[in-house]
Amino acid sequence: MSTILQIDASARKTDSVTRALTESLVKTLIGKDPDAKVLVRDVSQGLPYLDEEWVGANFTDPAKRSAEQRMKLAFSDTLVSELKSADTIVIGTPIYNFSVPAALKAWIDQIARARETFVYSENGPIGLLEDKRAYVLVASGGTKVGSEIDFASTYLEHVLGFVGIKDVTIVAADQLMADPANRDAALAKTLELAA
């Protein structure tokens, strides 16, 4: 049985392009694998930001962490566990001011952990989350995905690769203020990819 991790980052609950795209893609993936388990993580209401205590706990040897340090990392441990258990990750995100929403950046900060999702080696960092596939569904009002002012899709592709997820597909519903038809094209592409 496969596991799909669906991450929604749009502040909009209704009329959200990225939520429509993630819902459509996940529904299609389940149609191909009816026994798939779906974990939904909606980060839009915000996640804890890293602070000094979190950083201290994270860089303490796990065997030497205090009860307080383990508590400080408990939520991060949950997010990392969700990511590790997933075979397919579906991330729906708008571009806010040329980048990802702060809540999605907070999720990234919580899951990009040395010794958990990557390790340092003498040749540089090595991602530990291999053999996973990710779909990044991106919507924007004016920013063209893949352009020199898109700091969202390229960043997400890099971060996912950093933790070992190299099979990343970007689907763009971009420049919707200029061309609302891009929404329908992106929806059609998600269905085509899932098929």
N, C-alpha and C. Protein backbone atom coordinates (compact mmCIF):
# COMPACT_ATOMS: atom_id res chain seq x y z
N MET A 1 0.86 -1.19 0.00
CA MET A 1 0.00 0.00 0.00
C MET A 1 0.89 1.24 0.00
N SER A 2 0.64 2.14 -0.92
CA SER A 2 1.44 3.36 -1.01
C SER A 2 0.83 4.46 -0.15
N THR A 3 1.64 5.46 0.13
CA THR A 3 1.20 6.60 0.93
C THR A 3 1.45 7.88 0.15
N ILE A 4 0.44 8.73 0.12
CA ILE A 4 0.51 10.04 -0.53
C ILE A 4 0.46 11.09 0.56
N LEU A 5 1.44 11.99 0.57
CA LEU A 5 1.42 13.13 1.49
C LEU A 5 1.01 14.35 0.70
N GLN A 6 -0.14 14.91 1.07
CA GLN A 6 -0.67 16.11 0.40
C GLN A 6 -0.41 17.30 1.31
N ILE A 7 0.29 18.29 0.78
CA ILE A 7 0.61 19.49 1.54
C ILE A 7 -0.04 20.68 0.84
N ASP A 8 -0.92 21.37 1.56
CA ASP A 8 -1.57 22.56 1.02
C ASP A 8 -1.05 23.78 1.76
N ALA A 9 -0.69 24.81 1.00
CA ALA A 9 -0.10 26.00 1.60
C ALA A 9 -0.86 27.29 1.34
N SER A 10 -1.88 27.24 0.49
CA SER A 10 -2.61 28.47 0.16
C SER A 10 -3.39 28.99 1.36
N ALA A 11 -3.34 30.29 1.56
CA ALA A 11 -4.12 30.92 2.63
C ALA A 11 -5.61 30.87 2.31
N ARG A 12 -5.93 30.70 1.03
CA ARG A 12 -7.34 30.63 0.61
C ARG A 12 -7.88 29.22 0.84
N LYS A 13 -9.03 29.15 1.46
CA LYS A 13 -9.71 27.86 1.63
C LYS A 13 -10.69 27.64 0.48
N THR A 14 -11.30 28.71 0.00
CA THR A 14 -12.22 28.60 -1.13
C THR A 14 -11.60 29.32 -2.33
N ASP A 15 -11.94 28.85 -3.51
CA ASP A 15 -11.43 29.42 -4.76
C ASP A 15 -9.91 29.39 -4.86
N SER A 16 -9.28 28.43 -4.20
CA SER A 16 -7.83 28.29 -4.29
C SER A 16 -7.48 27.41 -5.48
N VAL A 17 -6.67 27.92 -6.36
CA VAL A 17 -6.24 27.15 -7.53
C VAL A 17 -5.39 25.96 -7.08
N THR A 18 -4.45 26.19 -6.18
CA THR A 18 -3.57 25.08 -5.78
C THR A 18 -4.32 24.00 -5.01
N ARG A 19 -5.30 24.38 -4.22
CA ARG A 19 -6.09 23.35 -3.52
C ARG A 19 -6.90 22.53 -4.52
N ALA A 20 -7.42 23.18 -5.56
CA ALA A 20 -8.15 22.44 -6.60
C ALA A 20 -7.21 21.49 -7.34
N LEU A 21 -5.98 21.95 -7.60
CA LEU A 21 -5.01 21.10 -8.29
C LEU A 21 -4.59 19.92 -7.43
N THR A 22 -4.29 20.15 -6.15
CA THR A 22 -3.87 19.03 -5.30
C THR A 22 -5.01 18.03 -5.13
N GLU A 23 -6.22 18.53 -4.95
CA GLU A 23 -7.38 17.64 -4.79
C GLU A 23 -7.56 16.78 -6.03
N SER A 24 -7.46 17.40 -7.20
CA SER A 24 -7.64 16.68 -8.45
C SER A 24 -6.55 15.63 -8.65
N LEU A 25 -5.31 16.01 -8.41
CA LEU A 25 -4.20 15.07 -8.60
C LEU A 25 -4.29 13.91 -7.62
N VAL A 26 -4.56 14.20 -6.35
CA VAL A 26 -4.65 13.14 -5.35
C VAL A 26 -5.80 12.19 -5.68
N LYS A 27 -6.93 12.75 -6.10
CA LYS A 27 -8.09 11.91 -6.47
C LYS A 27 -7.72 10.98 -7.63
N THR A 28 -7.00 11.49 -8.60
CA THR A 28 -6.59 10.68 -9.74
C THR A 28 -5.59 9.61 -9.31
N LEU A 29 -4.64 9.97 -8.44
CA LEU A 29 -3.67 8.98 -7.95
C LEU A 29 -4.37 7.87 -7.17
N ILE A 30 -5.36 8.22 -6.39
CA ILE A 30 -6.12 7.21 -5.64
C ILE A 30 -6.91 6.32 -6.60
N GLY A 31 -7.41 6.91 -7.67
CA GLY A 31 -8.12 6.12 -8.67
C GLY A 31 -7.23 5.04 -9.27
N LYS A 32 -5.93 5.32 -9.38
CA LYS A 32 -4.99 4.34 -9.90
C LYS A 32 -4.51 3.37 -8.82
N ASP A 33 -4.62 3.77 -7.56
CA ASP A 33 -4.18 2.93 -6.44
C ASP A 33 -5.19 3.11 -5.30
N PRO A 34 -6.35 2.43 -5.39
CA PRO A 34 -7.43 2.63 -4.42
C PRO A 34 -7.06 2.34 -2.96
N ASP A 35 -6.00 1.55 -2.76
CA ASP A 35 -5.58 1.24 -1.39
C ASP A 35 -4.61 2.26 -0.82
N ALA A 36 -4.27 3.27 -1.61
CA ALA A 36 -3.31 4.27 -1.14
C ALA A 36 -3.84 5.00 0.08
N LYS A 37 -2.94 5.25 1.00
CA LYS A 37 -3.26 6.03 2.19
C LYS A 37 -2.89 7.48 1.90
N VAL A 38 -3.76 8.41 2.30
CA VAL A 38 -3.49 9.82 2.07
C VAL A 38 -3.34 10.54 3.41
N LEU A 39 -2.21 11.20 3.57
CA LEU A 39 -1.98 12.07 4.73
C LEU A 39 -2.11 13.50 4.23
N VAL A 40 -2.95 14.30 4.89
CA VAL A 40 -3.12 15.69 4.48
C VAL A 40 -2.53 16.60 5.55
N ARG A 41 -1.63 17.47 5.11
CA ARG A 41 -1.02 18.45 6.01
C ARG A 41 -1.30 19.83 5.43
N ASP A 42 -2.19 20.56 6.08
CA ASP A 42 -2.51 21.92 5.66
C ASP A 42 -1.67 22.86 6.52
N VAL A 43 -0.68 23.48 5.91
CA VAL A 43 0.24 24.34 6.66
C VAL A 43 -0.21 25.79 6.70
N SER A 44 -1.34 26.09 6.06
CA SER A 44 -1.74 27.48 5.85
C SER A 44 -1.99 28.28 7.12
N GLN A 45 -2.33 27.61 8.20
CA GLN A 45 -2.59 28.33 9.45
C GLN A 45 -1.31 28.64 10.22
N GLY A 46 -0.20 28.20 9.67
CA GLY A 46 1.09 28.50 10.27
C GLY A 46 1.64 27.34 11.07
N LEU A 47 2.94 27.25 11.08
CA LEU A 47 3.66 26.24 11.84
C LEU A 47 4.65 26.96 12.73
N PRO A 48 5.13 26.27 13.76
CA PRO A 48 6.12 26.92 14.62
C PRO A 48 7.38 27.27 13.85
N TYR A 49 7.90 28.45 14.13
CA TYR A 49 9.18 28.85 13.54
C TYR A 49 10.31 28.30 14.41
N LEU A 50 11.47 28.11 13.79
CA LEU A 50 12.62 27.67 14.55
C LEU A 50 13.04 28.77 15.52
N ASP A 51 13.47 28.35 16.69
CA ASP A 51 14.00 29.30 17.66
C ASP A 51 15.27 28.71 18.27
N GLU A 52 15.86 29.42 19.20
CA GLU A 52 17.14 28.98 19.77
C GLU A 52 17.04 27.62 20.44
N GLU A 53 15.94 27.39 21.17
CA GLU A 53 15.77 26.10 21.86
C GLU A 53 15.63 24.96 20.85
N TRP A 54 14.89 25.20 19.76
CA TRP A 54 14.73 24.17 18.73
C TRP A 54 16.08 23.81 18.12
N VAL A 55 16.84 24.84 17.74
CA VAL A 55 18.15 24.61 17.12
C VAL A 55 19.06 23.85 18.08
N GLY A 56 19.07 24.27 19.34
CA GLY A 56 19.89 23.58 20.34
C GLY A 56 19.50 22.12 20.48
N ALA A 57 18.20 21.85 20.52
CA ALA A 57 17.71 20.48 20.65
C ALA A 57 18.08 19.66 19.42
N ASN A 58 17.92 20.24 18.25
CA ASN A 58 18.20 19.53 17.01
C ASN A 58 19.67 19.14 16.90
N PHE A 59 20.56 19.99 17.36
CA PHE A 59 21.98 19.70 17.24
C PHE A 59 22.56 18.97 18.45
N THR A 60 21.70 18.59 19.38
CA THR A 60 22.13 17.74 20.49
C THR A 60 22.01 16.29 20.06
N ASP A 61 22.99 15.48 20.42
CA ASP A 61 22.93 14.05 20.11
C ASP A 61 21.60 13.51 20.60
N PRO A 62 20.84 12.80 19.74
CA PRO A 62 19.52 12.30 20.13
C PRO A 62 19.52 11.51 21.44
N ALA A 63 20.59 10.77 21.70
CA ALA A 63 20.65 9.98 22.93
C ALA A 63 20.85 10.85 24.17
N LYS A 64 21.28 12.09 23.98
CA LYS A 64 21.56 12.98 25.11
C LYS A 64 20.53 14.09 25.29
N ARG A 65 19.46 14.08 24.48
CA ARG A 65 18.45 15.13 24.58
C ARG A 65 17.67 15.02 25.87
N SER A 66 17.39 16.16 26.44
CA SER A 66 16.56 16.21 27.65
C SER A 66 15.10 16.01 27.26
N ALA A 67 14.25 15.80 28.24
CA ALA A 67 12.81 15.66 27.98
C ALA A 67 12.28 16.92 27.32
N GLU A 68 12.76 18.10 27.74
CA GLU A 68 12.32 19.36 27.15
C GLU A 68 12.74 19.45 25.69
N GLN A 69 13.96 19.00 25.40
CA GLN A 69 14.43 19.04 24.02
C GLN A 69 13.62 18.09 23.13
N ARG A 70 13.30 16.92 23.65
CA ARG A 70 12.49 15.97 22.88
C ARG A 70 11.11 16.56 22.61
N MET A 71 10.56 17.25 23.61
CA MET A 71 9.25 17.90 23.42
C MET A 71 9.35 19.01 22.38
N LYS A 72 10.46 19.74 22.40
CA LYS A 72 10.64 20.84 21.45
C LYS A 72 10.67 20.33 20.01
N LEU A 73 11.18 19.12 19.82
CA LEU A 73 11.29 18.56 18.48
C LEU A 73 10.13 17.64 18.10
N ALA A 74 9.19 17.44 19.00
CA ALA A 74 8.11 16.46 18.77
C ALA A 74 7.30 16.76 17.52
N PHE A 75 6.94 18.02 17.31
CA PHE A 75 6.14 18.36 16.12
C PHE A 75 6.96 18.14 14.86
N SER A 76 8.22 18.56 14.88
CA SER A 76 9.11 18.34 13.75
C SER A 76 9.25 16.85 13.48
N ASP A 77 9.37 16.05 14.53
CA ASP A 77 9.47 14.60 14.36
C ASP A 77 8.23 14.06 13.64
N THR A 78 7.06 14.60 13.97
CA THR A 78 5.83 14.17 13.30
C THR A 78 5.87 14.50 11.82
N LEU A 79 6.29 15.71 11.48
CA LEU A 79 6.37 16.13 10.08
C LEU A 79 7.39 15.29 9.31
N VAL A 80 8.52 15.01 9.94
CA VAL A 80 9.55 14.19 9.30
C VAL A 80 9.02 12.77 9.09
N SER A 81 8.32 12.25 10.07
CA SER A 81 7.75 10.90 9.96
C SER A 81 6.75 10.82 8.81
N GLU A 82 5.91 11.86 8.67
CA GLU A 82 4.95 11.90 7.55
C GLU A 82 5.69 11.85 6.22
N LEU A 83 6.74 12.64 6.12
CA LEU A 83 7.50 12.72 4.87
C LEU A 83 8.21 11.40 4.58
N LYS A 84 8.81 10.81 5.60
CA LYS A 84 9.50 9.53 5.41
C LYS A 84 8.54 8.43 4.99
N SER A 85 7.32 8.45 5.50
CA SER A 85 6.36 7.38 5.20
C SER A 85 5.74 7.51 3.81
N ALA A 86 5.86 8.68 3.20
CA ALA A 86 5.21 8.93 1.91
C ALA A 86 6.02 8.38 0.75
N ASP A 87 5.31 7.81 -0.21
CA ASP A 87 5.92 7.40 -1.48
C ASP A 87 5.81 8.55 -2.49
N THR A 88 4.70 9.28 -2.41
CA THR A 88 4.43 10.40 -3.31
C THR A 88 4.09 11.62 -2.47
N ILE A 89 4.69 12.75 -2.80
CA ILE A 89 4.41 14.01 -2.11
C ILE A 89 3.77 14.94 -3.13
N VAL A 90 2.64 15.52 -2.75
CA VAL A 90 1.92 16.46 -3.60
C VAL A 90 1.86 17.78 -2.84
N ILE A 91 2.57 18.78 -3.34
CA ILE A 91 2.62 20.09 -2.69
C ILE A 91 1.88 21.10 -3.56
N GLY A 92 0.87 21.74 -2.98
CA GLY A 92 0.16 22.81 -3.66
C GLY A 92 0.52 24.13 -3.02
N THR A 93 1.08 25.04 -3.79
CA THR A 93 1.50 26.32 -3.22
C THR A 93 1.29 27.48 -4.18
N PRO A 94 0.79 28.57 -3.67
CA PRO A 94 0.81 29.79 -4.46
C PRO A 94 2.19 30.43 -4.37
N ILE A 95 2.44 31.35 -5.27
CA ILE A 95 3.63 32.20 -5.16
C ILE A 95 3.17 33.49 -4.51
N TYR A 96 3.70 33.77 -3.34
CA TYR A 96 3.41 35.03 -2.65
C TYR A 96 4.67 35.88 -2.71
N ASN A 97 4.57 37.02 -3.34
CA ASN A 97 5.71 37.94 -3.41
C ASN A 97 6.98 37.24 -3.90
N PHE A 98 6.82 36.48 -4.97
CA PHE A 98 7.91 35.83 -5.69
C PHE A 98 8.46 34.56 -5.03
N SER A 99 7.90 34.14 -3.90
CA SER A 99 8.42 32.97 -3.21
C SER A 99 7.28 32.16 -2.60
N VAL A 100 7.64 31.20 -1.74
CA VAL A 100 6.63 30.36 -1.09
C VAL A 100 6.03 31.10 0.10
N PRO A 101 4.82 30.74 0.50
CA PRO A 101 4.24 31.32 1.72
C PRO A 101 5.12 31.00 2.93
N ALA A 102 5.09 31.88 3.91
CA ALA A 102 5.90 31.70 5.12
C ALA A 102 5.60 30.37 5.80
N ALA A 103 4.35 29.94 5.77
CA ALA A 103 3.98 28.69 6.42
C ALA A 103 4.65 27.49 5.75
N LEU A 104 4.79 27.53 4.43
CA LEU A 104 5.47 26.43 3.74
C LEU A 104 6.96 26.47 4.03
N LYS A 105 7.53 27.66 4.13
CA LYS A 105 8.95 27.78 4.51
C LYS A 105 9.14 27.22 5.92
N ALA A 106 8.19 27.45 6.82
CA ALA A 106 8.29 26.91 8.18
C ALA A 106 8.26 25.38 8.14
N TRP A 107 7.43 24.80 7.26
CA TRP A 107 7.40 23.33 7.11
C TRP A 107 8.77 22.83 6.65
N ILE A 108 9.36 23.51 5.66
CA ILE A 108 10.68 23.13 5.16
C ILE A 108 11.70 23.18 6.28
N ASP A 109 11.68 24.24 7.08
CA ASP A 109 12.62 24.36 8.19
C ASP A 109 12.45 23.22 9.19
N GLN A 110 11.22 22.76 9.37
CA GLN A 110 10.95 21.68 10.32
C GLN A 110 11.39 20.31 9.80
N ILE A 111 11.42 20.13 8.48
CA ILE A 111 11.73 18.79 7.94
C ILE A 111 13.17 18.67 7.43
N ALA A 112 13.84 19.75 7.16
CA ALA A 112 15.23 19.69 6.67
C ALA A 112 16.16 19.58 7.88
N ARG A 113 16.36 18.33 8.32
CA ARG A 113 17.11 18.09 9.55
C ARG A 113 18.26 17.12 9.33
N ALA A 114 19.45 17.60 9.70
CA ALA A 114 20.63 16.74 9.65
C ALA A 114 20.38 15.49 10.50
N ARG A 115 20.82 14.35 9.98
CA ARG A 115 20.68 13.03 10.60
C ARG A 115 19.27 12.47 10.47
N GLU A 116 18.33 13.24 10.00
CA GLU A 116 16.96 12.76 9.82
C GLU A 116 16.58 12.68 8.34
N THR A 117 16.77 13.78 7.62
CA THR A 117 16.41 13.79 6.20
C THR A 117 17.62 14.02 5.29
N PHE A 118 18.75 14.35 5.88
CA PHE A 118 20.01 14.43 5.14
C PHE A 118 21.16 14.25 6.12
N VAL A 119 22.32 13.91 5.58
CA VAL A 119 23.53 13.80 6.40
C VAL A 119 24.64 14.57 5.72
N TYR A 120 25.58 15.02 6.53
CA TYR A 120 26.77 15.65 5.98
C TYR A 120 27.82 14.58 5.76
N SER A 121 28.52 14.66 4.62
CA SER A 121 29.62 13.75 4.34
C SER A 121 30.82 14.59 3.93
N GLU A 122 31.93 13.93 3.75
CA GLU A 122 33.13 14.68 3.34
C GLU A 122 32.96 15.26 1.93
N ASN A 123 31.97 14.75 1.19
CA ASN A 123 31.69 15.27 -0.15
C ASN A 123 30.49 16.20 -0.18
N GLY A 124 30.01 16.60 0.98
CA GLY A 124 28.86 17.49 1.05
C GLY A 124 27.62 16.76 1.57
N PRO A 125 26.49 17.44 1.62
CA PRO A 125 25.28 16.82 2.15
C PRO A 125 24.71 15.76 1.22
N ILE A 126 24.10 14.73 1.83
CA ILE A 126 23.46 13.66 1.09
C ILE A 126 22.03 13.51 1.60
N GLY A 127 21.08 13.60 0.69
CA GLY A 127 19.67 13.43 1.06
C GLY A 127 19.36 11.98 1.38
N LEU A 128 18.52 11.77 2.37
CA LEU A 128 18.18 10.42 2.82
C LEU A 128 16.82 9.94 2.33
N LEU A 129 16.05 10.80 1.69
CA LEU A 129 14.68 10.43 1.30
C LEU A 129 14.61 10.08 -0.18
N GLU A 130 15.27 9.00 -0.53
CA GLU A 130 15.31 8.58 -1.92
C GLU A 130 14.08 7.74 -2.27
N ASP A 131 13.92 7.45 -3.55
CA ASP A 131 12.83 6.60 -4.05
C ASP A 131 11.45 7.17 -3.74
N LYS A 132 11.34 8.48 -3.80
CA LYS A 132 10.06 9.15 -3.63
C LYS A 132 9.82 10.03 -4.86
N ARG A 133 8.57 10.31 -5.09
CA ARG A 133 8.20 11.19 -6.20
C ARG A 133 7.46 12.39 -5.63
N ALA A 134 7.71 13.56 -6.19
CA ALA A 134 7.02 14.76 -5.74
C ALA A 134 6.42 15.51 -6.92
N TYR A 135 5.22 16.02 -6.68
CA TYR A 135 4.56 16.93 -7.61
C TYR A 135 4.44 18.26 -6.88
N VAL A 136 4.89 19.33 -7.52
CA VAL A 136 4.76 20.67 -6.95
C VAL A 136 3.82 21.44 -7.87
N LEU A 137 2.65 21.76 -7.35
CA LEU A 137 1.61 22.45 -8.12
C LEU A 137 1.61 23.91 -7.69
N VAL A 138 1.97 24.78 -8.61
CA VAL A 138 2.24 26.18 -8.29
C VAL A 138 1.27 27.10 -9.02
N ALA A 139 0.70 28.05 -8.29
CA ALA A 139 -0.17 29.06 -8.91
C ALA A 139 0.40 30.45 -8.61
N SER A 140 0.20 31.34 -9.58
CA SER A 140 0.63 32.73 -9.35
C SER A 140 -0.29 33.67 -10.10
N GLY A 141 -0.34 34.88 -9.58
CA GLY A 141 -1.12 35.91 -10.26
C GLY A 141 -0.35 36.53 -11.40
N GLY A 142 0.94 36.80 -11.19
CA GLY A 142 1.72 37.49 -12.21
C GLY A 142 3.07 36.88 -12.50
N THR A 143 3.63 36.16 -11.56
CA THR A 143 4.97 35.60 -11.74
C THR A 143 4.93 34.39 -12.66
N LYS A 144 5.77 34.40 -13.67
CA LYS A 144 5.88 33.24 -14.56
C LYS A 144 6.76 32.20 -13.88
N VAL A 145 6.21 31.00 -13.72
CA VAL A 145 6.96 29.91 -13.10
C VAL A 145 8.16 29.57 -13.98
N GLY A 146 9.32 29.46 -13.34
CA GLY A 146 10.56 29.18 -14.05
C GLY A 146 11.31 30.41 -14.52
N SER A 147 10.72 31.58 -14.30
CA SER A 147 11.39 32.81 -14.72
C SER A 147 12.41 33.24 -13.67
N GLU A 148 13.16 34.29 -14.00
CA GLU A 148 14.19 34.78 -13.08
C GLU A 148 13.61 35.40 -11.81
N ILE A 149 12.30 35.66 -11.78
CA ILE A 149 11.70 36.20 -10.56
C ILE A 149 10.88 35.16 -9.80
N ASP A 150 10.95 33.91 -10.24
CA ASP A 150 10.28 32.81 -9.53
C ASP A 150 11.26 32.20 -8.54
N PHE A 151 11.09 32.54 -7.27
CA PHE A 151 11.93 31.98 -6.22
C PHE A 151 11.17 30.93 -5.42
N ALA A 152 10.08 30.44 -5.97
CA ALA A 152 9.26 29.43 -5.30
C ALA A 152 9.53 28.04 -5.88
N SER A 153 9.25 27.84 -7.16
CA SER A 153 9.37 26.50 -7.73
C SER A 153 10.81 26.02 -7.75
N THR A 154 11.73 26.90 -8.11
CA THR A 154 13.14 26.49 -8.12
C THR A 154 13.63 26.17 -6.72
N TYR A 155 13.19 26.93 -5.75
CA TYR A 155 13.56 26.69 -4.35
C TYR A 155 13.02 25.35 -3.87
N LEU A 156 11.74 25.08 -4.15
CA LEU A 156 11.15 23.81 -3.71
C LEU A 156 11.84 22.63 -4.39
N GLU A 157 12.13 22.75 -5.67
CA GLU A 157 12.83 21.66 -6.35
C GLU A 157 14.20 21.42 -5.72
N HIS A 158 14.89 22.50 -5.37
CA HIS A 158 16.21 22.37 -4.74
C HIS A 158 16.10 21.73 -3.36
N VAL A 159 15.17 22.20 -2.54
CA VAL A 159 15.02 21.68 -1.18
C VAL A 159 14.65 20.20 -1.21
N LEU A 160 13.71 19.83 -2.07
CA LEU A 160 13.32 18.43 -2.18
C LEU A 160 14.52 17.58 -2.61
N GLY A 161 15.29 18.06 -3.57
CA GLY A 161 16.49 17.35 -3.99
C GLY A 161 17.52 17.25 -2.87
N PHE A 162 17.62 18.30 -2.08
CA PHE A 162 18.57 18.33 -0.96
C PHE A 162 18.29 17.21 0.04
N VAL A 163 17.01 16.90 0.26
CA VAL A 163 16.67 15.82 1.19
C VAL A 163 16.54 14.47 0.47
N GLY A 164 16.89 14.43 -0.81
CA GLY A 164 16.96 13.18 -1.53
C GLY A 164 15.85 12.91 -2.53
N ILE A 165 14.86 13.80 -2.63
CA ILE A 165 13.74 13.59 -3.54
C ILE A 165 14.08 14.25 -4.87
N LYS A 166 14.56 13.44 -5.80
CA LYS A 166 15.05 13.96 -7.09
C LYS A 166 13.99 13.93 -8.18
N ASP A 167 12.98 13.07 -8.02
CA ASP A 167 11.93 12.94 -9.03
C ASP A 167 10.83 13.97 -8.72
N VAL A 168 11.03 15.18 -9.23
CA VAL A 168 10.14 16.30 -8.94
C VAL A 168 9.54 16.83 -10.23
N THR A 169 8.22 16.92 -10.26
CA THR A 169 7.51 17.48 -11.41
C THR A 169 6.83 18.77 -10.98
N ILE A 170 7.10 19.84 -11.69
CA ILE A 170 6.48 21.14 -11.43
C ILE A 170 5.33 21.32 -12.40
N VAL A 171 4.15 21.67 -11.87
CA VAL A 171 3.00 21.99 -12.71
C VAL A 171 2.62 23.44 -12.41
N ALA A 172 2.59 24.26 -13.45
CA ALA A 172 2.36 25.69 -13.26
C ALA A 172 0.98 26.12 -13.71
N ALA A 173 0.30 26.81 -12.81
CA ALA A 173 -0.91 27.56 -13.16
C ALA A 173 -0.53 29.01 -12.89
N ASP A 174 0.28 29.55 -13.78
CA ASP A 174 0.88 30.84 -13.50
C ASP A 174 0.27 31.98 -14.29
N GLN A 175 0.57 33.17 -13.84
CA GLN A 175 0.12 34.41 -14.47
C GLN A 175 -1.39 34.43 -14.66
N LEU A 176 -2.10 33.99 -13.62
CA LEU A 176 -3.55 33.87 -13.72
C LEU A 176 -4.26 35.22 -13.83
N MET A 177 -3.64 36.26 -13.34
CA MET A 177 -4.25 37.58 -13.49
C MET A 177 -4.24 38.01 -14.95
N ALA A 178 -3.22 37.58 -15.69
CA ALA A 178 -3.13 37.93 -17.11
C ALA A 178 -3.88 36.94 -17.99
N ASP A 179 -3.88 35.65 -17.57
CA ASP A 179 -4.50 34.61 -18.39
C ASP A 179 -5.16 33.56 -17.51
N PRO A 180 -6.42 33.81 -17.12
CA PRO A 180 -7.13 32.86 -16.25
C PRO A 180 -7.25 31.46 -16.83
N ALA A 181 -7.11 31.29 -18.14
CA ALA A 181 -7.21 29.97 -18.76
C ALA A 181 -6.06 29.06 -18.34
N ASN A 182 -5.00 29.63 -17.79
CA ASN A 182 -3.88 28.82 -17.32
C ASN A 182 -4.31 27.86 -16.22
N ARG A 183 -5.36 28.21 -15.49
CA ARG A 183 -5.87 27.31 -14.45
C ARG A 183 -6.35 26.00 -15.07
N ASP A 184 -7.14 26.10 -16.12
CA ASP A 184 -7.66 24.91 -16.78
C ASP A 184 -6.55 24.09 -17.42
N ALA A 185 -5.55 24.77 -17.97
CA ALA A 185 -4.42 24.07 -18.58
C ALA A 185 -3.63 23.32 -17.52
N ALA A 186 -3.43 23.93 -16.35
CA ALA A 186 -2.70 23.27 -15.27
C ALA A 186 -3.49 22.08 -14.73
N LEU A 187 -4.80 22.24 -14.62
CA LEU A 187 -5.63 21.12 -14.15
C LEU A 187 -5.54 19.96 -15.13
N ALA A 188 -5.60 20.24 -16.42
CA ALA A 188 -5.50 19.19 -17.43
C ALA A 188 -4.13 18.51 -17.35
N LYS A 189 -3.08 19.29 -17.09
CA LYS A 189 -1.73 18.72 -17.01
C LYS A 189 -1.61 17.81 -15.78
N THR A 190 -2.21 18.19 -14.65
CA THR A 190 -2.12 17.32 -13.47
C THR A 190 -2.80 15.99 -13.75
N LEU A 191 -3.92 16.02 -14.44
CA LEU A 191 -4.61 14.77 -14.76
C LEU A 191 -3.79 13.92 -15.72
N GLU A 192 -3.16 14.58 -16.67
CA GLU A 192 -2.31 13.87 -17.63
C GLU A 192 -1.11 13.24 -16.92
N LEU A 193 -0.49 13.98 -16.00
CA LEU A 193 0.66 13.45 -15.25
C LEU A 193 0.26 12.26 -14.41
N ALA A 194 -0.88 12.36 -13.74
CA ALA A 194 -1.33 11.27 -12.88
C ALA A 194 -1.62 10.03 -13.70
N ALA A 195 -2.15 10.23 -14.91
CA ALA A 195 -2.46 9.09 -15.78
C ALA A 195 -1.20 8.40 -16.22
